[in-house]
Protein backbone atom coordinates (compact mmCIF):
# COMPACT_ATOMS: atom_id res chain seq x y z
CA MET A 1 1.41 7.66 -4.74
CA LEU A 2 2.41 5.09 -1.80
CA THR A 3 -0.80 4.57 -0.99
CA THR A 4 -1.85 2.95 -4.45
CA LEU A 5 1.36 1.60 -4.89
CA LEU A 6 1.09 -0.99 -1.16
CA SER A 7 -2.49 -1.09 -1.26
CA SER A 8 -3.82 -3.78 0.80
CA SER A 9 -5.16 -7.54 -1.70
CA SER A 10 -6.05 -8.44 1.57
CA THR A 11 -9.57 -9.73 2.63
CA LEU A 12 -11.91 -6.91 2.77
CA ALA A 13 -12.58 -7.84 6.86
CA GLN A 14 -9.57 -6.26 7.83
CA PRO A 15 -8.63 -2.72 7.92
CA SER A 16 -6.41 -1.47 5.14
CA SER A 17 -4.67 1.18 7.63
CA ARG A 18 -4.22 1.19 11.45
CA TYR A 19 -2.85 4.51 13.21
CA PHE A 20 -0.71 4.18 16.48
CA SER A 21 -1.15 6.59 18.85
CA GLU A 22 1.94 5.71 20.74
CA THR A 23 4.09 6.70 18.52
CA SER A 24 1.57 9.17 15.46
CA CYS A 25 2.42 6.94 12.67
CA THR A 26 0.32 4.74 10.70
CA VAL A 27 1.24 1.19 9.13
CA GLN A 28 -1.18 0.71 6.44
CA GLY A 29 -1.25 -1.60 2.75
CA ARG A 30 1.21 -3.96 2.27
CA PHE A 31 3.23 -3.19 4.97
CA LEU A 32 0.04 -3.48 7.54
CA ALA A 33 -0.55 -7.25 6.52
CA TYR A 34 2.98 -7.88 6.81
CA TRP A 35 2.87 -6.34 10.42
CA GLN A 36 -0.25 -8.05 10.98
CA GLN A 37 0.62 -11.88 9.28
CA HIS A 38 4.34 -12.10 11.13
CA GLY A 39 3.84 -11.17 14.49
CA GLY A 40 2.70 -7.45 15.10
CA LEU A 41 3.41 -5.45 18.16
CA THR A 42 5.14 -8.44 19.76
CA GLN A 43 7.76 -9.18 16.68
CA PHE A 44 8.21 -5.84 14.52
CA GLY A 45 6.92 -3.10 17.73
CA TYR A 46 5.25 0.26 16.92
CA PRO A 47 6.10 1.95 13.30
CA LEU A 48 8.39 4.47 14.23
CA THR A 49 7.95 6.23 10.76
CA GLU A 50 5.79 6.85 7.98
CA GLU A 51 6.01 4.88 4.85
CA LEU A 52 9.01 6.79 2.83
CA SER A 53 11.32 6.18 0.40
CA GLU A 54 14.94 6.20 0.34
CA PRO A 55 18.01 3.95 -1.06
CA SER A 56 19.21 0.76 0.76
CA PRO A 57 22.42 0.66 2.38
CA VAL A 58 22.87 -2.76 0.69
CA ASP A 59 22.61 -2.23 -2.69
CA GLN A 60 21.32 1.56 -3.16
CA LYS A 61 18.08 0.96 -4.74
CA VAL A 62 15.60 3.10 -3.72
CA TYR A 63 12.29 0.93 -2.26
CA VAL A 64 9.59 2.25 -0.06
CA THR A 65 10.23 1.81 3.49
CA GLN A 66 9.09 2.11 6.70
CA TYR A 67 10.82 1.49 10.02
CA PHE A 68 9.30 0.17 13.06
CA ALA A 69 11.04 -0.66 16.50
CA ARG A 70 12.89 -4.09 15.53
CA ALA A 71 12.80 -3.78 12.02
CA MET A 72 12.87 -2.20 9.03
CA PHE A 73 10.44 -3.53 6.45
CA GLU A 74 11.37 -2.96 1.71
CA TYR A 75 8.68 -2.99 -0.48
CA HIS A 76 10.06 -4.38 -3.25
CA SER A 77 8.10 -4.14 -6.19
CA GLU A 78 9.87 -6.45 -8.82
CA ASP A 79 8.82 -9.61 -6.60
CA GLN A 80 5.69 -11.33 -6.10
CA PRO A 81 3.42 -11.34 -3.02
CA PRO A 82 4.15 -12.94 -0.63
CA ASN A 83 7.88 -12.09 -1.76
CA ASP A 84 7.73 -8.24 -2.22
CA ILE A 85 7.94 -7.47 1.39
CA LEU A 86 11.47 -8.01 3.09
CA ILE A 87 13.02 -7.46 6.11
CA THR A 88 15.94 -4.88 5.23
CA LEU A 89 19.24 -7.03 6.10
CA LEU A 90 20.74 -4.95 9.43
CA GLY A 91 23.02 -7.74 10.03
CA VAL A 92 24.69 -7.14 6.70
CA GLN A 93 24.35 -2.74 6.88
CA SER A 94 26.25 -3.17 10.87
CA TYR A 95 28.72 -5.36 10.11
CA LYS A 96 29.83 -3.43 6.97
CA GLN A 97 30.10 -0.76 9.17
CA LYS A 98 31.30 -1.76 12.07
CA TYR A 99 33.89 -4.08 9.87
CA PRO A 100 34.74 -2.56 6.43
CA ASN A 101 37.76 -4.82 6.01
CA GLY A 102 36.12 -7.93 7.91
CA THR A 103 36.40 -8.64 11.23
CA PRO A 104 39.77 -8.99 13.14
CA ASN A 105 41.19 -12.29 14.64
CA GLN A 106 38.00 -14.12 13.79
CA TYR A 107 38.21 -17.62 12.94
CA VAL A 108 35.17 -21.02 13.06
CA SER A 109 34.42 -22.29 16.00
CA GLN A 110 34.78 -26.23 16.17
CA ASP A 111 32.29 -26.66 18.32
CA ASN A 112 29.78 -28.52 15.93
CA PRO A 113 30.58 -26.35 12.75
CA TYR A 114 27.98 -26.25 9.94
CA THR A 115 29.12 -24.56 6.89
CA PHE A 116 26.55 -23.16 4.00
CA ALA A 117 27.54 -24.11 0.35
CA ALA A 118 25.50 -20.78 -0.69
CA THR A 119 27.82 -18.16 1.56
CA GLY A 120 31.12 -20.28 2.39
CA LYS A 121 30.16 -18.98 6.06
CA THR A 122 30.20 -21.13 9.04
CA LEU A 123 27.61 -21.51 11.70
CA SER A 124 28.45 -23.22 15.08
CA GLY A 125 28.09 -23.51 18.86
CA LYS A 126 25.93 -21.60 20.90
CA PHE A 127 24.39 -19.69 17.75
CA ARG A 128 23.86 -23.22 15.87
CA THR A 129 22.44 -24.54 19.25
CA TYR A 130 19.84 -21.61 19.04
């Protein structure tokens, strides 16, 4: 059962679930703890769904997920807390969907570029300044 799987290990002072009348959805357990500890309503918005299991479009593995207005949480049982709750890779998913063959006419900005050794990708210009 998902409730048992994601039950909160946080202190008894914090509730283990929260119902949002605005969307008629409940956030509970580890998802609620992550939501509260990382910005809550301001950062992620209201929950749009209850917990559900679905395959990730990134790696095709099935994860317990929950959708929020500005994020989608994934429970990764293979990882230990606090790294068991991850935000899905929406940028990767959107990019692959929009540009399955890569971005046409893409070039690296020469405005203060920084290349990440791990990926070979470059960050520069206004995005690096931000």
